[in-house]
């Protein structure tokens, strides 16, 4: 009778070990997935900020930088930027810049989508 109880006890320990290892693996895979997702989101934000900086860099040395928004080329650059980089903080900055200058809320709403 002791042998049956002892083997049953060791079977339970083995089962608990397997469940513990499975749980640790699940947590590890979930953490790895989250880290990859976070890295990709940060990369997307970085690329968007670099593109936004490239568009607005030429304005830096001018006395009235917002006069550039009267140029259709600049406006179309910012609008295409909004299409390319939706859901980024840089897109929100570009949308607010356009909305403030033109009084349009549609660009701001487009950036928030």
Protein backbone atom coordinates (compact mmCIF):
# COMPACT_ATOMS: atom_id res chain seq x y z
CA UNK A 1 0.00 0.00 0.00
CA UNK A 2 2.85 2.36 0.73
CA UNK A 3 4.30 1.74 -2.72
CA UNK A 4 1.04 2.81 -4.37
CA UNK A 5 0.84 5.96 -2.28
CA UNK A 6 4.50 6.79 -2.91
CA UNK A 7 4.21 6.34 -6.68
CA UNK A 8 0.99 8.36 -6.66
CA UNK A 9 2.80 11.10 -4.74
CA UNK A 10 5.66 11.16 -7.28
CA UNK A 11 3.17 11.20 -10.16
CA UNK A 12 1.53 14.26 -8.64
CA UNK A 13 4.91 15.98 -8.23
CA UNK A 14 5.76 15.22 -11.88
CA UNK A 15 2.38 16.60 -12.97
CA UNK A 16 2.92 19.80 -10.98
CA UNK A 17 6.40 20.20 -12.49
CA UNK A 18 4.97 19.87 -16.01
CA UNK A 19 2.23 22.40 -15.29
CA UNK A 20 4.76 24.79 -13.77
CA UNK A 21 7.08 24.49 -16.77
CA UNK A 22 4.14 25.02 -19.15
CA UNK A 23 3.07 28.11 -17.20
CA UNK A 24 6.58 29.56 -17.28
CA UNK A 25 6.82 28.93 -21.03
CA UNK A 26 3.46 30.62 -21.63
CA UNK A 27 4.55 33.67 -19.63
CA UNK A 28 7.88 33.77 -21.47
CA UNK A 29 6.24 33.61 -24.91
CA UNK A 30 3.71 36.28 -23.95
CA UNK A 31 6.47 38.54 -22.66
CA UNK A 32 8.52 38.01 -25.79
CA UNK A 33 5.51 38.82 -27.97
CA UNK A 34 4.85 42.00 -26.01
CA UNK A 35 8.51 43.05 -26.29
CA UNK A 36 8.46 42.55 -30.07
CA UNK A 37 5.20 44.50 -30.39
CA UNK A 38 6.56 47.35 -28.27
CA UNK A 39 9.76 47.47 -30.31
CA UNK A 40 7.82 47.67 -33.58
CA UNK A 41 5.59 50.44 -32.24
CA UNK A 42 8.61 52.44 -31.06
CA UNK A 43 10.24 51.99 -34.46
CA UNK A 44 7.07 53.21 -36.17
CA UNK A 45 7.02 56.31 -33.95
CA UNK A 46 10.71 56.95 -34.62
CA UNK A 47 10.28 56.74 -38.40
CA UNK A 48 7.27 59.05 -38.25
CA UNK A 49 9.13 61.61 -36.16
CA UNK A 50 12.07 61.53 -38.59
CA UNK A 51 9.75 62.08 -41.55
CA UNK A 52 7.99 64.93 -39.75
CA UNK A 53 11.34 66.49 -38.90
CA UNK A 54 12.43 66.24 -42.55
CA UNK A 55 9.29 68.08 -43.69
CA UNK A 56 9.59 70.86 -41.12
CA UNK A 57 13.39 71.18 -41.02
CA UNK A 58 13.50 73.70 -43.86
CA UNK A 59 11.20 76.00 -41.90
CA UNK A 60 13.66 76.42 -39.07
CA UNK A 61 15.64 79.33 -40.51
CA UNK A 62 12.73 81.36 -41.84
CA UNK A 63 11.19 84.30 -40.02
CA UNK A 64 7.60 83.17 -40.53
CA UNK A 65 7.68 79.39 -40.82
CA UNK A 66 3.91 79.01 -41.02
CA UNK A 67 3.93 80.86 -44.34
CA UNK A 68 5.17 77.58 -45.79
CA UNK A 69 1.73 76.15 -45.16
CA UNK A 70 0.34 78.48 -47.81
CA UNK A 71 2.38 76.52 -50.31
CA UNK A 72 0.32 73.67 -51.78
CA UNK A 73 3.38 71.43 -51.93
CA UNK A 74 3.97 71.72 -48.20
CA UNK A 75 0.33 71.13 -47.44
CA UNK A 76 0.23 68.06 -49.68
CA UNK A 77 3.43 66.78 -48.02
CA UNK A 78 1.82 67.06 -44.60
CA UNK A 79 -1.40 65.45 -45.81
CA UNK A 80 0.46 62.52 -47.37
CA UNK A 81 2.44 62.29 -44.14
CA UNK A 82 -0.85 61.94 -42.25
CA UNK A 83 -1.93 59.11 -44.55
CA UNK A 84 1.40 57.30 -44.20
CA UNK A 85 1.85 57.64 -40.44
CA UNK A 86 -1.62 57.27 -38.94
CA UNK A 87 -1.84 56.67 -35.19
CA UNK A 88 1.50 58.24 -34.31
CA UNK A 89 2.20 61.24 -32.17
CA UNK A 90 3.95 62.98 -35.07
CA UNK A 91 0.81 62.60 -37.19
CA UNK A 92 -1.11 64.30 -34.42
CA UNK A 93 1.36 67.21 -34.45
CA UNK A 94 1.03 67.54 -38.23
CA UNK A 95 -2.76 67.40 -38.03
CA UNK A 96 -2.87 70.06 -35.34
CA UNK A 97 -0.52 72.25 -37.38
CA UNK A 98 -2.77 71.92 -40.43
CA UNK A 99 -5.95 72.38 -38.42
CA UNK A 100 -4.62 75.51 -36.69
CA UNK A 101 -3.52 77.07 -39.95
CA UNK A 102 -6.48 76.15 -42.13
CA UNK A 103 -9.17 75.86 -39.49
CA UNK A 104 -9.91 72.32 -40.60
CA UNK A 105 -10.79 69.65 -38.10
CA UNK A 106 -10.95 66.81 -40.60
CA UNK A 107 -7.17 66.40 -40.64
CA UNK A 108 -7.06 66.23 -36.86
CA UNK A 109 -9.80 63.61 -36.87
CA UNK A 110 -7.93 61.67 -39.56
CA UNK A 111 -4.80 61.56 -37.39
CA UNK A 112 -6.76 60.25 -34.42
CA UNK A 113 -8.24 57.34 -36.40
